[in-house]
Amino acid sequence: MCVVTGSRAEYGLLYWALREIESAPDLELQLVVTGMHLSSEFGSTVQQIQDDGFEINHRVEMLLSSDSAVGITKSTGLGMIGFADAFSSLKPDIVLLLGDRFELLAAASAALFAVIPIAHIHGGEVTAGAFDDAIRHSITKMSHLHFTSTEIYRNRVIQLGEDPDRVFNVGAPGIDSIHRIKLMEKADLEIVLGLELGSRSLLVTFHPVTLEPGSTRKYFEALLEALDQFEDVSLVFTKANADTEGRLINKMIDKYVADRASAVAYTSLGPVKYLSVLKHVTGVVGNSSSGIIEAPSLKVGTINIGERQKGRIRAASVIDCKPTQESICEALELLFGTEFQEGLRNVINPHGADDVSAKIVRVLQTISLAGLTQKKFFDRPVY
C-alpha cells in the first residue's frame, strides 16, 4: 500500500492512517515523500517523518524554486516523471492520496497511466477560490475508492459518476490527531514558541487565492492592517505553502514579525505543536482548511477570509468575512466578544467522527482489488 505525502499539513492528516497500515499484519506500507518535505525553504519536514520512525521508500524531487504559474506547472511535470519511476520501482497494489495539491495531481496521473488503483481521501469538497478545487475533482475521477468527510461530500462524489459502493463517508482524518495526540500545556507551549499567548491570541494562516492572480498582496496587506488595530493580541503565523505567490506571503510575514514583538512565525510547527497552538489560541484567522475542519473540534473560533474556502461545510464557529481591513476588523471584534466565545462550548463539528483512519484502513484491508481499475460511470436515476 503506497502512501504519498508532499506537505506538512497533509502528512499530519495521514499520520494515523500510516500507523494503522504499518501495524496491520496483512498490509505493507510503502511511503513516497515529495514536494515541500524535501525543500529546506519549507522546513525540510522530511526530517519529521524520519523522526517519527517511518521508513521512506522513495523520494520524488519535483519542487522548483518558483511560485509562478510556469514554475508550478513545470514542478507538476517533474512530479509525473518522478512518480512514474517510483511506481515502476515499488510496484504497489494500491496508492493512497489525500487532498488536492498539485503534487498529488502528478501522483494520481502517474498511477492512472500505470493502471494502479487509487484511493482518495477528502473528495467531494468545494473550495471555489482556488484551483485546488479542480485538482480535487480531477483526482476523484482518476480514483477507484473514495473516503469522504461528510455525507454531503459522499453524495457529491457519487454525483460525479462514482459507484456508491466505492464511496465511504468516514469523517475527516485530521480529527484523529485531536483525539489521539497528547497536546502541550499552554505554559510549555509558550516556552517553545518564545511568545506569551496572553488573554487574546490568534493563529494566522493565509494562503494565496490561486484563482484570483495578483490578489495575494492586496488581501494579505488588508489582513496585516487589520491585525495592527489589535496591538494587545499575540500572533502565531504559519507560513504559506508552495503555491502560486506563496513566497510573497512568506516575505510579508517575515517583515511584519520583525516589526512586532508580540508575533512569531514558523515555516512548520509539526502536528503536535500546531494542534497545541490551535487548542490554546483565542481564534484562527486566515483562509486555511484547518480553521474549518479541525478547529471546531477544539471549540476554537475561526475567521475565514475571502473566497478560498467558499463551498466547504461550516460549523457555527466559523465567521466568514471579505478580504478587506474593515471586514476583517469587524470579524475580529465578533470573535473576541464574550457571547461568541461562550457559544463555542456548544459547537458541533460536521466533519467529526471517531477512528477515521482505522475505518479507512479496514476498507483497504477487506476490499477486493480485482477489477478495481475497471470503472463504470454511475448515472443517478432521472425523474
Protein backbone atom coordinates (compact mmCIF):
# COMPACT_ATOMS: atom_id res chain seq x y z
CA MET A 1 0.00 0.00 0.00
CA CYS A 2 1.76 3.13 -1.26
CA VAL A 3 1.03 6.43 0.51
CA VAL A 4 2.19 9.73 -0.99
CA THR A 5 2.82 12.84 1.10
CA GLY A 6 4.07 16.20 -0.15
CA SER A 7 3.34 18.75 2.56
CA ARG A 8 3.42 19.26 6.34
CA ALA A 9 -0.37 19.62 6.63
CA GLU A 10 -1.29 16.54 4.63
CA TYR A 11 1.31 14.42 6.49
CA GLY A 12 -0.33 15.39 9.78
CA LEU A 13 -3.70 14.26 8.43
CA LEU A 14 -2.24 10.97 7.15
CA TYR A 15 -0.20 10.19 10.28
CA TRP A 16 -2.64 7.81 11.96
CA ALA A 17 -3.53 6.07 8.70
CA LEU A 18 0.20 5.41 8.25
CA ARG A 19 0.35 3.95 11.76
CA GLU A 20 -2.71 1.77 11.08
CA ILE A 21 -1.24 0.46 7.83
CA GLU A 22 2.14 -0.12 9.47
CA SER A 23 0.59 -2.19 12.27
CA ALA A 24 -1.73 -4.26 10.05
CA PRO A 25 -0.22 -7.77 9.61
CA ASP A 26 -1.66 -8.18 6.12
CA LEU A 27 -0.51 -4.80 4.76
CA GLU A 28 2.90 -3.48 3.73
CA LEU A 29 3.44 0.27 3.89
CA GLN A 30 5.33 1.99 1.09
CA LEU A 31 5.91 5.68 1.75
CA VAL A 32 6.74 8.14 -1.03
CA VAL A 33 7.82 11.63 0.06
CA THR A 34 7.84 14.60 -2.29
CA GLY A 35 7.24 18.34 -2.65
CA MET A 36 7.80 20.69 0.27
CA HIS A 37 9.01 17.88 2.52
CA LEU A 38 12.27 17.80 0.57
CA SER A 39 12.80 21.57 0.46
CA SER A 40 14.89 23.43 3.03
CA GLU A 41 12.92 26.56 2.14
CA PHE A 42 9.81 24.92 3.57
CA GLY A 43 11.45 23.41 6.64
CA SER A 44 12.80 20.08 5.30
CA THR A 45 9.88 18.35 7.00
CA VAL A 46 11.10 15.01 5.70
CA GLN A 47 13.11 15.00 8.93
CA GLN A 48 9.88 14.98 10.96
CA ILE A 49 8.75 11.88 9.05
CA GLN A 50 12.06 10.15 9.78
CA ASP A 51 11.97 11.21 13.44
CA ASP A 52 8.53 9.61 13.68
CA GLY A 53 10.17 6.33 12.69
CA PHE A 54 8.72 5.82 9.23
CA GLU A 55 10.83 4.25 6.50
CA ILE A 56 10.83 6.34 3.33
CA ASN A 57 10.77 4.04 0.32
CA HIS A 58 11.13 6.66 -2.40
CA ARG A 59 11.73 10.40 -2.71
CA VAL A 60 10.37 12.36 -5.65
CA GLU A 61 12.19 15.66 -6.16
CA MET A 62 9.83 17.91 -8.08
CA LEU A 63 9.62 21.36 -6.47
CA LEU A 64 11.23 24.20 -8.41
CA SER A 65 12.28 27.34 -6.55
CA SER A 66 9.50 29.34 -8.18
CA ASP A 67 5.90 30.04 -7.26
CA SER A 68 4.90 31.43 -10.65
CA ALA A 69 2.30 29.67 -12.80
CA VAL A 70 5.10 28.43 -15.04
CA GLY A 71 7.08 27.16 -12.05
CA ILE A 72 4.11 25.26 -10.58
CA THR A 73 3.31 23.76 -13.99
CA LYS A 74 6.89 22.60 -14.51
CA SER A 75 7.02 21.20 -10.96
CA THR A 76 3.89 19.16 -11.71
CA GLY A 77 5.52 17.83 -14.88
CA LEU A 78 8.67 16.85 -12.99
CA GLY A 79 6.45 15.15 -10.43
CA MET A 80 4.80 12.97 -13.07
CA ILE A 81 8.22 11.84 -14.28
CA GLY A 82 9.36 11.12 -10.71
CA PHE A 83 6.22 9.22 -9.74
CA ALA A 84 6.42 7.14 -12.91
CA ASP A 85 9.84 5.96 -11.72
CA ALA A 86 8.66 5.50 -8.12
CA PHE A 87 5.65 3.35 -9.02
CA SER A 88 7.67 1.36 -11.56
CA SER A 89 10.20 0.56 -8.84
CA LEU A 90 7.82 -0.06 -5.92
CA LYS A 91 5.04 -1.82 -7.88
CA PRO A 92 2.33 -1.03 -5.29
CA ASP A 93 -1.04 -2.78 -5.27
CA ILE A 94 -2.83 0.48 -4.47
CA VAL A 95 -1.90 4.17 -3.98
CA LEU A 96 -3.44 6.25 -1.18
CA LEU A 97 -3.70 10.03 -1.68
CA LEU A 98 -5.19 12.77 0.49
CA GLY A 99 -6.38 16.15 -0.70
CA ASP A 100 -5.99 18.41 -3.67
CA ARG A 101 -2.47 19.76 -4.17
CA PHE A 102 -0.60 19.74 -7.48
CA GLU A 103 1.89 17.17 -6.15
CA LEU A 104 -0.99 14.73 -5.79
CA LEU A 105 -2.30 15.51 -9.28
CA ALA A 106 1.10 14.37 -10.57
CA ALA A 107 0.99 11.21 -8.44
CA ALA A 108 -2.58 10.37 -9.48
CA SER A 109 -1.78 10.86 -13.16
CA ALA A 110 1.24 8.56 -12.96
CA ALA A 111 -0.75 5.88 -11.09
CA LEU A 112 -3.59 6.15 -13.62
CA PHE A 113 -1.26 5.51 -16.55
CA ALA A 114 0.37 2.62 -14.67
CA VAL A 115 -3.12 1.11 -14.05
CA ILE A 116 -2.64 1.15 -10.28
CA PRO A 117 -5.82 1.55 -8.18
CA ILE A 118 -6.07 4.87 -6.34
CA ALA A 119 -7.81 5.50 -3.00
CA HIS A 120 -8.58 9.16 -2.36
CA ILE A 121 -9.35 10.94 0.94
CA HIS A 122 -11.29 14.24 1.19
CA GLY A 123 -13.02 14.13 -2.19
CA GLY A 124 -16.32 15.82 -2.95
CA GLU A 125 -15.45 19.08 -1.22
CA VAL A 126 -15.66 22.53 -2.78
CA THR A 127 -13.14 25.37 -2.43
CA ALA A 128 -14.28 27.82 -5.05
CA GLY A 129 -11.41 30.28 -4.67
CA ALA A 130 -8.51 28.00 -5.58
CA PHE A 131 -7.51 25.73 -8.44
CA ASP A 132 -7.22 23.02 -5.79
CA ASP A 133 -10.97 22.61 -6.36
CA ALA A 134 -10.46 21.40 -9.92
CA ILE A 135 -7.49 19.25 -8.88
CA ARG A 136 -9.58 17.57 -6.18
CA HIS A 137 -12.38 16.66 -8.59
CA SER A 138 -9.83 15.50 -11.18
CA ILE A 139 -8.26 13.14 -8.65
CA THR A 140 -11.76 11.88 -7.78
CA LYS A 141 -12.31 10.88 -11.42
CA MET A 142 -8.92 9.14 -11.53
CA SER A 143 -9.55 7.30 -8.25
CA HIS A 144 -11.26 4.00 -7.58
CA LEU A 145 -12.04 4.20 -3.85
CA HIS A 146 -13.22 7.33 -2.05
CA PHE A 147 -13.21 8.35 1.61
CA THR A 148 -15.22 11.49 2.31
CA SER A 149 -15.58 13.59 5.46
CA THR A 150 -19.36 14.16 5.36
CA GLU A 151 -22.41 12.54 3.77
CA ILE A 152 -22.94 15.62 1.61
CA TYR A 153 -19.45 15.17 0.16
CA ARG A 154 -20.13 11.46 -0.37
CA ASN A 155 -23.22 12.33 -2.39
CA ARG A 156 -21.22 14.81 -4.45
CA VAL A 157 -18.62 12.17 -5.35
CA ILE A 158 -21.46 9.90 -6.45
CA GLN A 159 -22.88 12.84 -8.42
CA LEU A 160 -19.55 12.90 -10.27
CA GLY A 161 -20.37 9.40 -11.51
CA GLU A 162 -18.61 7.24 -8.93
CA ASP A 163 -20.08 3.90 -7.83
CA PRO A 164 -21.84 4.34 -4.43
CA ASP A 165 -20.37 1.01 -3.27
CA ARG A 166 -16.90 2.53 -3.61
CA VAL A 167 -17.62 5.78 -1.73
CA PHE A 168 -17.32 5.74 2.07
CA ASN A 169 -18.25 8.55 4.46
CA VAL A 170 -15.73 8.13 7.27
CA GLY A 171 -15.15 11.68 8.58
CA ALA A 172 -12.04 13.86 8.49
CA PRO A 173 -8.82 12.04 9.46
CA GLY A 174 -7.38 15.23 10.97
CA ILE A 175 -9.84 14.80 13.84
CA ASP A 176 -7.99 11.62 14.85
CA SER A 177 -4.94 13.60 15.92
CA ILE A 178 -7.03 15.82 18.18
CA HIS A 179 -8.34 12.73 19.97
CA ARG A 180 -5.14 10.67 19.98
CA ILE A 181 -2.22 13.11 20.42
CA LYS A 182 -1.29 14.41 23.87
CA LEU A 183 -1.22 18.15 23.28
CA MET A 184 1.10 20.54 25.10
CA GLU A 185 0.10 22.58 28.13
CA LYS A 186 -0.12 26.31 27.49
CA ALA A 187 2.88 27.24 29.64
CA ASP A 188 5.11 24.65 27.96
CA LEU A 189 3.91 25.74 24.53
CA GLU A 190 4.72 29.39 25.26
CA ILE A 191 8.30 28.43 26.13
CA VAL A 192 8.69 26.54 22.85
CA LEU A 193 7.15 29.37 20.84
CA GLY A 194 9.11 32.08 22.62
CA LEU A 195 5.86 34.02 22.98
CA GLU A 196 3.31 34.56 25.73
CA LEU A 197 -0.14 33.95 24.31
CA GLY A 198 -1.80 36.08 26.97
CA SER A 199 -5.56 36.51 27.22
CA ARG A 200 -6.07 37.14 23.48
CA SER A 201 -4.12 35.38 20.75
CA LEU A 202 -4.51 34.28 17.14
CA LEU A 203 -3.15 31.58 14.87
CA VAL A 204 -2.72 33.21 11.45
CA THR A 205 -2.58 31.02 8.34
CA PHE A 206 -3.15 32.60 4.94
CA HIS A 207 -2.61 31.02 1.53
CA PRO A 208 -2.86 32.51 -1.98
CA VAL A 209 -6.28 32.64 -3.63
CA THR A 210 -4.96 30.96 -6.76
CA LEU A 211 -8.00 31.66 -8.95
CA GLU A 212 -7.50 35.40 -8.39
CA PRO A 213 -3.99 36.03 -9.77
CA GLY A 214 -2.35 39.17 -8.42
CA SER A 215 -4.68 39.43 -5.42
CA THR A 216 -2.33 37.99 -2.81
CA ARG A 217 -0.51 41.19 -1.78
CA LYS A 218 -3.72 43.23 -1.57
CA TYR A 219 -5.59 40.66 0.52
CA PHE A 220 -2.73 39.87 2.87
CA GLU A 221 -1.95 43.55 3.40
CA ALA A 222 -5.60 44.03 4.42
CA LEU A 223 -5.18 41.26 7.00
CA LEU A 224 -1.95 42.74 8.39
CA GLU A 225 -3.51 46.21 8.57
CA ALA A 226 -6.45 44.76 10.50
CA LEU A 227 -4.10 42.99 12.93
CA ASP A 228 -2.37 46.33 13.53
CA GLN A 229 -5.59 47.53 15.16
CA PHE A 230 -5.26 44.82 17.84
CA GLU A 231 -1.89 45.58 19.41
CA ASP A 232 -2.60 43.59 22.60
CA VAL A 233 -3.14 40.34 20.68
CA SER A 234 -0.36 37.76 20.40
CA LEU A 235 0.10 36.31 16.92
CA VAL A 236 1.47 32.97 15.72
CA PHE A 237 1.95 32.90 11.94
CA THR A 238 2.37 29.69 9.96
CA LYS A 239 3.83 30.31 6.54
CA ALA A 240 2.19 29.62 3.20
CA ASN A 241 2.64 26.52 1.09
CA ALA A 242 4.49 26.30 -2.22
CA ASP A 243 1.60 27.67 -4.22
CA THR A 244 1.46 30.48 -6.76
CA GLU A 245 2.53 33.69 -4.91
CA GLY A 246 3.08 31.76 -1.67
CA ARG A 247 6.60 33.08 -1.31
CA LEU A 248 5.24 36.64 -1.45
CA ILE A 249 3.14 35.94 1.65
CA ASN A 250 6.13 34.47 3.47
CA LYS A 251 8.27 37.54 2.79
CA MET A 252 5.48 39.79 4.09
CA ILE A 253 5.18 37.64 7.23
CA ASP A 254 8.92 37.89 7.92
CA LYS A 255 8.83 41.68 7.62
CA TYR A 256 5.76 42.01 9.82
CA VAL A 257 7.07 39.74 12.58
CA ALA A 258 10.39 41.61 12.61
CA ASP A 259 8.49 44.79 13.48
CA ARG A 260 6.05 43.35 16.05
CA ALA A 261 7.28 41.99 19.37
CA SER A 262 4.06 40.08 20.05
CA ALA A 263 4.33 37.95 16.89
CA VAL A 264 6.28 34.86 15.83
CA ALA A 265 6.36 32.94 12.54
CA TYR A 266 7.07 29.30 11.71
CA THR A 267 7.66 27.52 8.43
CA SER A 268 6.42 24.29 10.02
CA LEU A 269 5.28 23.68 13.59
CA GLY A 270 4.74 19.94 13.20
CA PRO A 271 1.47 18.20 14.14
CA VAL A 272 1.84 18.33 17.94
CA LYS A 273 2.85 21.99 18.22
CA TYR A 274 0.38 23.07 15.53
CA LEU A 275 -2.60 21.42 17.21
CA SER A 276 -1.38 22.66 20.60
CA VAL A 277 -1.35 26.23 19.27
CA LEU A 278 -4.78 25.65 17.76
CA LYS A 279 -6.04 24.48 21.15
CA HIS A 280 -4.70 27.41 23.19
CA VAL A 281 -5.27 30.44 20.95
CA THR A 282 -8.44 32.53 21.15
CA GLY A 283 -9.08 32.01 17.46
CA VAL A 284 -7.81 31.25 13.97
CA VAL A 285 -7.68 33.84 11.20
CA GLY A 286 -6.85 33.32 7.53
CA ASN A 287 -8.15 31.02 4.80
CA SER A 288 -6.80 27.58 5.68
CA SER A 289 -8.97 24.47 5.74
CA SER A 290 -7.79 23.64 9.28
CA GLY A 291 -9.84 26.51 10.67
CA ILE A 292 -12.95 24.93 9.16
CA ILE A 293 -12.23 21.22 9.55
CA GLU A 294 -10.13 20.78 12.72
CA ALA A 295 -10.63 23.94 14.81
CA PRO A 296 -14.32 23.29 15.62
CA SER A 297 -13.38 20.05 17.40
CA LEU A 298 -11.20 22.11 19.77
CA LYS A 299 -14.03 24.62 20.35
CA VAL A 300 -11.93 27.38 18.78
CA GLY A 301 -13.43 30.12 16.61
CA THR A 302 -12.27 30.82 13.06
CA ILE A 303 -12.29 33.91 10.86
CA ASN A 304 -12.35 32.72 7.26
CA ILE A 305 -11.26 35.44 4.85
CA GLY A 306 -12.41 35.66 1.25
CA GLU A 307 -13.30 33.01 -1.31
CA ARG A 308 -10.57 30.38 -0.97
CA GLN A 309 -12.68 28.05 1.22
CA LYS A 310 -16.02 29.03 -0.31
CA GLY A 311 -18.25 25.98 -0.54
CA ARG A 312 -16.95 23.96 2.43
CA ILE A 313 -19.45 22.90 5.05
CA ARG A 314 -19.02 25.05 8.16
CA ALA A 315 -19.60 24.77 11.88
CA ALA A 316 -21.14 27.68 13.80
CA SER A 317 -17.62 28.55 14.99
CA VAL A 318 -16.64 29.93 11.55
CA ILE A 319 -17.05 33.64 10.79
CA ASP A 320 -16.84 34.47 7.08
CA CYS A 321 -15.63 37.93 6.05
CA LYS A 322 -14.43 39.84 3.00
CA PRO A 323 -10.68 40.34 2.34
CA THR A 324 -10.79 43.99 3.43
CA GLN A 325 -9.39 45.66 6.53
CA GLU A 326 -12.81 46.86 7.66
CA SER A 327 -14.50 43.47 7.27
CA ILE A 328 -11.64 41.61 8.99
CA CYS A 329 -11.70 44.08 11.91
CA GLU A 330 -15.44 43.57 12.34
CA ALA A 331 -14.93 39.80 12.34
CA LEU A 332 -12.16 40.08 14.95
CA GLU A 333 -14.39 42.14 17.24
CA LEU A 334 -17.07 39.45 16.93
CA LEU A 335 -14.56 36.65 17.53
CA PHE A 336 -13.19 38.23 20.71
CA GLY A 337 -16.68 39.01 22.03
CA THR A 338 -17.87 37.24 25.18
CA GLU A 339 -21.09 35.98 23.60
CA PHE A 340 -19.31 34.34 20.67
CA GLN A 341 -16.63 32.78 22.87
CA GLU A 342 -19.22 31.32 25.24
CA GLY A 343 -21.17 29.91 22.29
CA LEU A 344 -18.14 27.89 21.18
CA ARG A 345 -18.79 25.41 24.00
CA ASN A 346 -21.80 24.06 22.11
CA VAL A 347 -20.22 23.89 18.65
CA ILE A 348 -20.60 20.60 16.78
CA ASN A 349 -18.06 19.78 14.08
CA PRO A 350 -19.84 18.47 10.94
CA HIS A 351 -16.60 16.70 9.95
CA GLY A 352 -16.25 14.95 13.29
CA ALA A 353 -16.06 11.18 13.63
CA ASP A 354 -14.24 8.55 15.69
CA ASP A 355 -11.38 6.35 14.48
CA VAL A 356 -11.44 7.76 10.94
CA SER A 357 -8.04 6.36 9.97
CA ALA A 358 -8.93 2.90 11.29
CA LYS A 359 -12.14 2.94 9.21
CA ILE A 360 -10.18 3.83 6.08
CA VAL A 361 -7.64 1.08 6.61
CA ARG A 362 -10.32 -1.52 7.39
CA VAL A 363 -11.89 -0.85 3.99
CA LEU A 364 -8.49 -1.11 2.29
CA GLN A 365 -7.83 -4.40 4.07
CA THR A 366 -11.09 -6.04 3.09
CA ILE A 367 -11.99 -4.76 -0.36
CA SER A 368 -11.05 -6.83 -3.39
CA LEU A 369 -8.60 -5.16 -5.77
CA ALA A 370 -9.62 -7.44 -8.62
CA GLY A 371 -11.19 -5.36 -11.37
CA LEU A 372 -11.00 -2.19 -9.27
CA THR A 373 -9.44 -0.19 -12.10
CA GLN A 374 -12.38 -1.01 -14.38
CA LYS A 375 -14.81 1.83 -13.70
CA LYS A 376 -18.29 2.48 -14.98
CA PHE A 377 -19.93 5.88 -14.82
CA PHE A 378 -22.73 5.74 -12.26
CA ASP A 379 -25.81 7.57 -13.54
CA ARG A 380 -28.35 8.71 -10.99
CA PRO A 381 -31.95 7.97 -11.97
CA VAL A 382 -33.66 10.79 -13.86
CA TYR A 383 -37.17 11.57 -12.67
